[in-house]
Protein backbone atom coordinates (compact mmCIF):
# COMPACT_ATOMS: atom_id res chain seq x y z
CA ASN A 1 5.19 -23.17 -22.41
CA THR A 2 3.49 -21.92 -25.57
CA GLY A 3 6.31 -19.60 -26.58
CA SER A 4 3.90 -16.65 -26.68
CA GLN A 5 3.77 -13.62 -24.39
CA SER A 6 1.58 -13.94 -21.28
CA ARG A 7 -1.58 -11.89 -21.18
CA VAL A 8 -2.34 -9.41 -18.37
CA VAL A 9 -5.81 -10.92 -18.08
CA THR A 10 -4.17 -14.27 -17.22
CA ALA A 11 -2.41 -12.73 -14.21
CA CYS A 12 -5.68 -11.06 -13.22
CA THR A 13 -7.54 -14.37 -13.41
CA MET A 14 -4.92 -16.16 -11.30
CA LEU A 15 -5.02 -13.44 -8.63
CA LYS A 16 -8.81 -13.23 -8.45
CA ARG A 17 -9.19 -17.02 -8.21
CA MET A 18 -6.75 -17.14 -5.28
CA LEU A 19 -8.52 -14.26 -3.53
CA PHE A 20 -11.94 -15.82 -4.15
CA ARG A 21 -10.71 -19.12 -2.70
CA TYR A 22 -10.02 -17.34 0.61
CA GLN A 23 -13.29 -15.34 0.52
CA GLY A 24 -11.64 -12.01 1.32
CA TYR A 25 -9.58 -13.21 4.28
CA VAL A 26 -6.32 -12.37 2.49
CA PHE A 27 -7.42 -8.69 2.80
CA ALA A 28 -5.60 -7.61 -0.38
CA ALA A 29 -7.12 -4.90 -2.58
CA LEU A 30 -4.96 -4.92 -5.70
CA VAL A 31 -4.34 -2.75 -8.75
CA LEU A 32 -2.82 -4.75 -11.61
CA GLY A 33 -1.45 -3.00 -14.66
CA GLY A 34 0.52 -4.19 -17.64
CA CYS A 35 1.03 -4.30 -21.39
CA ASP A 36 0.70 -7.32 -23.64
CA VAL A 37 0.02 -7.97 -27.33
CA ASN A 38 -3.44 -6.40 -26.91
CA GLY A 39 -2.07 -3.14 -25.46
CA PRO A 40 -2.10 -1.60 -21.97
CA HIS A 41 -4.48 -2.83 -19.25
CA VAL A 42 -5.44 -1.74 -15.74
CA TYR A 43 -7.48 -4.01 -13.47
CA GLN A 44 -8.82 -3.54 -9.96
CA ILE A 45 -9.09 -6.72 -7.91
CA TYR A 46 -11.16 -6.65 -4.70
CA PRO A 47 -10.27 -8.80 -1.66
CA HIS A 48 -13.12 -11.26 -2.36
CA GLY A 49 -12.03 -11.75 -6.00
CA SER A 50 -14.27 -9.54 -8.12
CA THR A 51 -12.51 -7.49 -10.79
CA GLY A 52 -12.97 -4.49 -13.02
CA LYS A 53 -11.07 -3.33 -16.14
CA LEU A 54 -10.82 0.44 -16.28
CA PRO A 55 -8.64 3.15 -17.89
CA TYR A 56 -7.49 4.11 -14.35
CA THR A 57 -8.40 2.96 -10.87
CA THR A 58 -7.67 3.32 -7.17
CA MET A 59 -7.98 0.91 -4.26
CA GLY A 60 -7.67 1.18 -0.51
CA SER A 61 -8.75 3.58 2.20
CA GLY A 62 -7.45 6.70 0.40
CA SER A 63 -8.99 5.71 -2.92
CA LEU A 64 -11.76 8.33 -2.98
CA ALA A 65 -9.32 11.23 -2.67
CA ALA A 66 -6.96 9.62 -5.19
CA MET A 67 -9.82 8.98 -7.63
CA SER A 68 -10.80 12.66 -7.58
CA VAL A 69 -7.26 13.53 -8.75
CA PHE A 70 -7.44 10.94 -11.54
CA GLU A 71 -10.88 12.11 -12.68
CA THR A 72 -9.69 15.71 -13.06
CA GLY A 73 -6.16 15.08 -14.39
CA TRP A 74 -6.25 11.92 -16.53
CA THR A 75 -6.16 12.13 -20.32
CA GLU A 76 -5.77 9.28 -22.76
CA ASP A 77 -2.68 10.66 -24.50
CA MET A 78 -0.49 11.30 -21.42
CA SER A 79 3.28 10.90 -21.58
CA GLU A 80 5.09 8.64 -19.11
CA GLU A 81 6.32 11.64 -17.12
CA GLU A 82 2.81 13.17 -16.95
CA GLY A 83 1.40 9.81 -15.84
CA VAL A 84 3.97 9.41 -13.05
CA GLU A 85 3.29 12.96 -11.82
CA LEU A 86 -0.47 12.29 -11.84
CA VAL A 87 0.02 9.09 -9.84
CA LYS A 88 2.19 10.95 -7.29
CA ARG A 89 -0.50 13.63 -6.87
CA ALA A 90 -3.20 10.97 -6.49
CA ILE A 91 -1.26 9.04 -3.84
CA LEU A 92 -0.53 12.27 -1.96
CA ALA A 93 -4.25 13.09 -1.99
CA GLY A 94 -4.89 9.72 -0.36
CA VAL A 95 -2.09 10.26 2.17
CA PHE A 96 -3.30 13.71 3.24
CA ASN A 97 -7.04 12.93 3.26
CA ASP A 98 -7.03 9.54 4.99
CA LEU A 99 -5.30 8.59 8.23
CA GLY A 100 -4.72 4.99 7.13
CA SER A 101 -2.93 5.71 3.85
CA GLY A 102 0.72 5.76 4.82
CA SER A 103 3.12 8.62 4.38
CA ASN A 104 5.42 8.25 1.33
CA VAL A 105 5.15 7.81 -2.41
CA ASP A 106 7.19 5.15 -4.21
CA THR A 107 6.99 4.88 -8.00
CA CYS A 108 7.95 2.04 -10.30
CA VAL A 109 7.70 2.26 -14.09
CA ILE A 110 8.18 -0.99 -16.02
CA ARG A 111 8.37 -0.38 -19.76
CA THR A 112 7.51 -2.76 -22.58
CA ASP A 113 11.18 -2.89 -23.66
CA GLY A 114 12.07 -4.42 -20.26
CA THR A 115 13.65 -1.35 -18.68
CA MET A 116 12.51 -0.25 -15.25
CA THR A 117 12.72 2.89 -13.12
CA MET A 118 12.20 2.36 -9.37
CA ASN A 119 12.04 5.45 -7.19
CA ARG A 120 11.70 4.67 -3.47
CA GLY A 121 10.75 7.78 -1.55
CA ALA A 122 9.85 9.74 -4.71
CA VAL A 123 7.88 12.05 -2.41
CA THR A 124 8.25 12.13 1.38
CA PRO A 125 5.72 14.76 2.49
CA ASN A 126 5.75 13.82 6.15
CA ASP A 127 9.48 14.06 6.81
CA VAL A 128 9.39 15.52 10.33
CA LYS A 129 13.12 15.53 11.11
CA PRO A 130 13.75 19.11 9.87
CA PHE A 131 10.80 20.34 11.93
CA ARG A 132 11.91 18.51 15.05
CA ASP A 133 15.47 19.81 14.67
CA ALA A 134 14.17 23.39 14.42
CA ILE A 135 12.39 23.25 17.81
CA ASN A 136 14.26 24.72 20.77
CA ARG A 137 13.26 22.76 23.85
CA SER A 138 13.57 24.30 27.26
CA SER A 139 15.74 22.42 29.76
CA LYS A 140 13.01 23.14 32.33
CA LEU A 141 10.78 20.63 30.56
CA THR A 142 13.37 17.84 30.61
CA MET A 143 12.72 15.39 33.45
CA ARG A 144 15.87 13.92 34.94
CA SER A 145 16.04 10.31 36.06
CA GLY A 146 14.81 10.00 39.64
CA THR A 147 12.45 13.00 39.43
CA THR A 148 9.42 10.83 40.15
CA ALA A 149 9.72 8.52 43.13
CA VAL A 150 8.96 4.81 42.59
CA LEU A 151 6.96 3.59 45.60
CA LYS A 152 6.70 -0.10 44.72
CA SER A 153 7.77 -2.32 41.82
CA THR A 154 6.26 -5.80 41.41
CA PHE A 155 5.42 -8.03 38.48
CA THR A 156 2.55 -10.51 38.60
CA PRO A 157 2.23 -12.77 35.54
CA ALA A 158 -1.24 -13.07 34.05
CA LYS A 159 -3.06 -16.36 34.58
CA ILE A 160 -4.11 -17.72 31.21
CA GLY A 161 -6.30 -20.77 31.32
CA GLY A 162 -7.69 -23.14 28.77
CA VAL A 163 -5.78 -22.48 25.52
CA SER A 164 -2.08 -22.45 24.75
CA LEU A 165 -0.10 -22.22 21.51
CA ALA A 166 0.28 -25.99 21.61
CA ASP A 167 -3.51 -26.24 21.04
CA VAL A 168 -3.40 -24.23 17.80
CA THR A 169 -3.11 -26.08 14.47
CA VAL A 170 -1.23 -24.13 11.81
CA THR A 171 -1.95 -25.02 8.19
CA GLU A 172 -0.04 -23.81 5.16
CA MET A 173 -1.80 -21.38 2.85
CA GLU A 174 -2.61 -22.76 -0.61
CA THR A 175 -1.05 -20.88 -3.52
């Protein structure tokens, strides 16, 4: 312990070395941000370990849509509130323009003074419960038990040959 504050680049180096060691098989595309004695930093870390230091970045399957929001809305002198709103809009762009990008927005702001604001479900654009509750379903479309006759019911287990779980060697992942 040197008694000095850790650098963001140190965390980035540790993460990229671990990802490089596994040659992309961890399948983690990361965005690392933080503040240290040198100021604020944002890094993108690809699954195979390469990195980039940028003023803003996006990763993942919805990153192109999110990046377009950042490119049009980002300014260097943004307030915390403006930054959080921009991030929400960028994540929503990824959610709505990519089928693999989830459905909700969670935000977490960690300040240099040690305070934190965590907002799970900051935006839930795909909340379908109100829509489902508003639908009036006809009782004519409800199938009662026994409507369809069961002619035969049998279960035949599959025959698996050659390999079982006993043949698999599990090794612990290095960290």
